Amino acid sequence: MHVVGKQRRRYSTENFSWLADMIRDTQVKPTAAQAYMAAYTLPPPLASQCLDTILDSLYQTRFEKEVRQDLGE
């Protein structure tokens, strides 16, 4: 996560649309691990579109506060 997260601003949004679609799929709630990975892998425009779902999946985990701070909420 540390290495990928530092480079995520350079990634093309199109390359990660599949991950954003998976995170936003209302039929299947992502696991906390999937949400955490998405928070630090998705390029910022896609991460912001998925923020509610990511935070919902991380609710009351040890990662919730960290992701809230890092994604600017």
N, C-alpha and C. Protein backbone atom coordinates (compact mmCIF):
# COMPACT_ATOMS: atom_id res chain seq x y z
N MET A 1 0.82 -1.19 0.00
CA MET A 1 0.00 0.00 0.00
C MET A 1 0.86 1.25 0.00
N HIS A 2 1.95 1.21 0.73
CA HIS A 2 2.80 2.39 0.82
C HIS A 2 3.35 2.79 -0.55
N VAL A 3 3.87 1.84 -1.30
CA VAL A 3 4.44 2.13 -2.61
C VAL A 3 3.36 2.52 -3.61
N VAL A 4 2.30 1.74 -3.67
CA VAL A 4 1.21 2.01 -4.62
C VAL A 4 0.55 3.35 -4.30
N GLY A 5 0.32 3.61 -3.05
CA GLY A 5 -0.34 4.85 -2.65
C GLY A 5 0.42 6.10 -3.04
N LYS A 6 1.74 6.03 -2.99
CA LYS A 6 2.54 7.20 -3.35
C LYS A 6 2.47 7.49 -4.85
N GLN A 7 2.20 6.50 -5.65
CA GLN A 7 2.18 6.67 -7.10
C GLN A 7 0.78 6.85 -7.67
N ARG A 8 -0.24 6.74 -6.87
CA ARG A 8 -1.61 6.68 -7.39
C ARG A 8 -2.04 7.92 -8.17
N ARG A 9 -1.46 9.06 -7.92
CA ARG A 9 -1.82 10.27 -8.68
C ARG A 9 -1.35 10.19 -10.13
N ARG A 10 -0.44 9.30 -10.40
CA ARG A 10 0.08 9.15 -11.76
C ARG A 10 -0.71 8.14 -12.58
N TYR A 11 -1.54 7.36 -11.94
CA TYR A 11 -2.29 6.33 -12.64
C TYR A 11 -3.41 6.93 -13.48
N SER A 12 -3.68 6.29 -14.58
CA SER A 12 -4.81 6.68 -15.41
C SER A 12 -6.10 6.21 -14.74
N THR A 13 -7.07 7.07 -14.69
CA THR A 13 -8.35 6.73 -14.07
C THR A 13 -8.99 5.53 -14.75
N GLU A 14 -8.87 5.45 -16.07
CA GLU A 14 -9.49 4.35 -16.81
C GLU A 14 -8.95 3.00 -16.39
N ASN A 15 -7.70 2.95 -16.01
CA ASN A 15 -7.09 1.68 -15.61
C ASN A 15 -7.68 1.12 -14.33
N PHE A 16 -8.33 1.94 -13.55
CA PHE A 16 -8.87 1.50 -12.27
C PHE A 16 -10.38 1.60 -12.18
N SER A 17 -11.03 1.84 -13.31
CA SER A 17 -12.48 1.96 -13.29
C SER A 17 -13.14 0.66 -12.82
N TRP A 18 -12.53 -0.48 -13.13
CA TRP A 18 -13.07 -1.78 -12.69
C TRP A 18 -13.10 -1.87 -11.17
N LEU A 19 -12.07 -1.35 -10.51
CA LEU A 19 -12.02 -1.40 -9.05
C LEU A 19 -13.07 -0.46 -8.45
N ALA A 20 -13.20 0.73 -9.02
CA ALA A 20 -14.21 1.67 -8.55
C ALA A 20 -15.61 1.09 -8.74
N ASP A 21 -15.84 0.44 -9.88
CA ASP A 21 -17.14 -0.19 -10.12
C ASP A 21 -17.42 -1.27 -9.09
N MET A 22 -16.42 -2.06 -8.76
CA MET A 22 -16.59 -3.12 -7.76
C MET A 22 -16.91 -2.52 -6.39
N ILE A 23 -16.22 -1.47 -6.02
CA ILE A 23 -16.44 -0.84 -4.72
C ILE A 23 -17.83 -0.22 -4.64
N ARG A 24 -18.29 0.36 -5.73
CA ARG A 24 -19.60 1.04 -5.74
C ARG A 24 -20.77 0.09 -5.97
N ASP A 25 -20.51 -1.16 -6.29
CA ASP A 25 -21.59 -2.12 -6.55
C ASP A 25 -22.45 -2.26 -5.29
N THR A 26 -23.69 -1.88 -5.39
CA THR A 26 -24.57 -1.89 -4.22
C THR A 26 -25.05 -3.28 -3.83
N GLN A 27 -24.82 -4.25 -4.67
CA GLN A 27 -25.27 -5.62 -4.36
C GLN A 27 -24.29 -6.36 -3.46
N VAL A 28 -23.03 -5.92 -3.47
CA VAL A 28 -22.02 -6.61 -2.67
C VAL A 28 -21.21 -5.57 -1.92
N LYS A 29 -21.26 -5.62 -0.61
CA LYS A 29 -20.48 -4.68 0.21
C LYS A 29 -19.02 -5.14 0.21
N PRO A 30 -18.08 -4.24 -0.09
CA PRO A 30 -16.69 -4.64 -0.07
C PRO A 30 -16.23 -4.95 1.35
N THR A 31 -15.26 -5.83 1.45
CA THR A 31 -14.69 -6.13 2.76
C THR A 31 -13.84 -4.93 3.19
N ALA A 32 -13.48 -4.91 4.44
CA ALA A 32 -12.62 -3.84 4.94
C ALA A 32 -11.29 -3.84 4.19
N ALA A 33 -10.76 -5.00 3.90
CA ALA A 33 -9.49 -5.09 3.18
C ALA A 33 -9.62 -4.52 1.77
N GLN A 34 -10.70 -4.84 1.08
CA GLN A 34 -10.92 -4.30 -0.26
C GLN A 34 -11.07 -2.78 -0.22
N ALA A 35 -11.80 -2.29 0.75
CA ALA A 35 -12.01 -0.85 0.88
C ALA A 35 -10.71 -0.13 1.18
N TYR A 36 -9.91 -0.71 2.05
CA TYR A 36 -8.62 -0.10 2.39
C TYR A 36 -7.71 -0.06 1.17
N MET A 37 -7.67 -1.15 0.44
CA MET A 37 -6.86 -1.20 -0.78
C MET A 37 -7.34 -0.14 -1.77
N ALA A 38 -8.64 -0.03 -1.95
CA ALA A 38 -9.19 0.95 -2.88
C ALA A 38 -8.85 2.37 -2.46
N ALA A 39 -8.90 2.64 -1.17
CA ALA A 39 -8.61 3.99 -0.67
C ALA A 39 -7.22 4.45 -1.07
N TYR A 40 -6.28 3.51 -1.10
CA TYR A 40 -4.90 3.88 -1.39
C TYR A 40 -4.44 3.52 -2.79
N THR A 41 -5.28 2.87 -3.56
CA THR A 41 -4.91 2.47 -4.91
C THR A 41 -5.61 3.32 -5.96
N LEU A 42 -6.87 3.62 -5.74
CA LEU A 42 -7.62 4.39 -6.73
C LEU A 42 -7.04 5.79 -6.91
N PRO A 43 -6.95 6.26 -8.14
CA PRO A 43 -6.57 7.66 -8.35
C PRO A 43 -7.56 8.57 -7.62
N PRO A 44 -7.12 9.71 -7.13
CA PRO A 44 -7.99 10.58 -6.32
C PRO A 44 -9.39 10.85 -6.88
N PRO A 45 -9.56 11.10 -8.18
CA PRO A 45 -10.93 11.35 -8.66
C PRO A 45 -11.86 10.15 -8.43
N LEU A 46 -11.33 8.95 -8.61
CA LEU A 46 -12.16 7.76 -8.38
C LEU A 46 -12.33 7.48 -6.89
N ALA A 47 -11.30 7.70 -6.11
CA ALA A 47 -11.40 7.47 -4.67
C ALA A 47 -12.47 8.37 -4.07
N SER A 48 -12.53 9.62 -4.53
CA SER A 48 -13.55 10.52 -3.98
C SER A 48 -14.96 10.08 -4.34
N GLN A 49 -15.13 9.46 -5.50
CA GLN A 49 -16.44 8.94 -5.90
C GLN A 49 -16.86 7.75 -5.07
N CYS A 50 -15.91 7.06 -4.49
CA CYS A 50 -16.18 5.84 -3.73
C CYS A 50 -16.07 6.05 -2.22
N LEU A 51 -15.83 7.28 -1.81
CA LEU A 51 -15.51 7.56 -0.41
C LEU A 51 -16.56 7.05 0.57
N ASP A 52 -17.83 7.27 0.28
CA ASP A 52 -18.87 6.83 1.21
C ASP A 52 -18.84 5.32 1.40
N THR A 53 -18.70 4.58 0.32
CA THR A 53 -18.68 3.12 0.40
C THR A 53 -17.42 2.66 1.12
N ILE A 54 -16.30 3.28 0.81
CA ILE A 54 -15.04 2.90 1.47
C ILE A 54 -15.16 3.11 2.97
N LEU A 55 -15.63 4.28 3.38
CA LEU A 55 -15.74 4.56 4.81
C LEU A 55 -16.78 3.68 5.49
N ASP A 56 -17.86 3.36 4.80
CA ASP A 56 -18.86 2.46 5.35
C ASP A 56 -18.25 1.08 5.61
N SER A 57 -17.43 0.62 4.70
CA SER A 57 -16.80 -0.70 4.85
C SER A 57 -15.73 -0.70 5.93
N LEU A 58 -15.17 0.47 6.21
CA LEU A 58 -14.12 0.57 7.24
C LEU A 58 -14.67 1.01 8.60
N TYR A 59 -15.98 1.19 8.68
CA TYR A 59 -16.60 1.68 9.91
C TYR A 59 -16.21 0.81 11.10
N GLN A 60 -15.72 1.47 12.14
CA GLN A 60 -15.31 0.84 13.40
C GLN A 60 -14.17 -0.17 13.23
N THR A 61 -13.33 0.05 12.24
CA THR A 61 -12.10 -0.72 12.14
C THR A 61 -10.95 0.20 12.55
N ARG A 62 -9.79 -0.35 12.74
CA ARG A 62 -8.66 0.48 13.13
C ARG A 62 -8.16 1.37 11.99
N PHE A 63 -8.69 1.15 10.78
CA PHE A 63 -8.25 1.92 9.62
C PHE A 63 -9.16 3.09 9.28
N GLU A 64 -10.33 3.15 9.89
CA GLU A 64 -11.30 4.18 9.54
C GLU A 64 -10.74 5.59 9.72
N LYS A 65 -10.17 5.88 10.87
CA LYS A 65 -9.66 7.23 11.15
C LYS A 65 -8.53 7.60 10.18
N GLU A 66 -7.64 6.65 9.94
CA GLU A 66 -6.51 6.88 9.02
C GLU A 66 -7.00 7.25 7.62
N VAL A 67 -7.95 6.48 7.11
CA VAL A 67 -8.45 6.73 5.76
C VAL A 67 -9.22 8.04 5.71
N ARG A 68 -10.01 8.33 6.73
CA ARG A 68 -10.72 9.61 6.78
C ARG A 68 -9.75 10.77 6.68
N GLN A 69 -8.65 10.70 7.41
CA GLN A 69 -7.65 11.77 7.40
C GLN A 69 -6.96 11.84 6.04
N ASP A 70 -6.54 10.72 5.52
CA ASP A 70 -5.79 10.70 4.27
C ASP A 70 -6.63 11.10 3.05
N LEU A 71 -7.91 10.78 3.07
CA LEU A 71 -8.76 11.12 1.93
C LEU A 71 -9.45 12.46 2.12
N GLY A 72 -9.12 13.13 3.22
CA GLY A 72 -9.58 14.50 3.40
C GLY A 72 -11.00 14.69 3.86
N GLU A 73 -11.51 13.75 4.60
CA GLU A 73 -12.85 13.98 5.17
C GLU A 73 -12.73 14.36 6.60
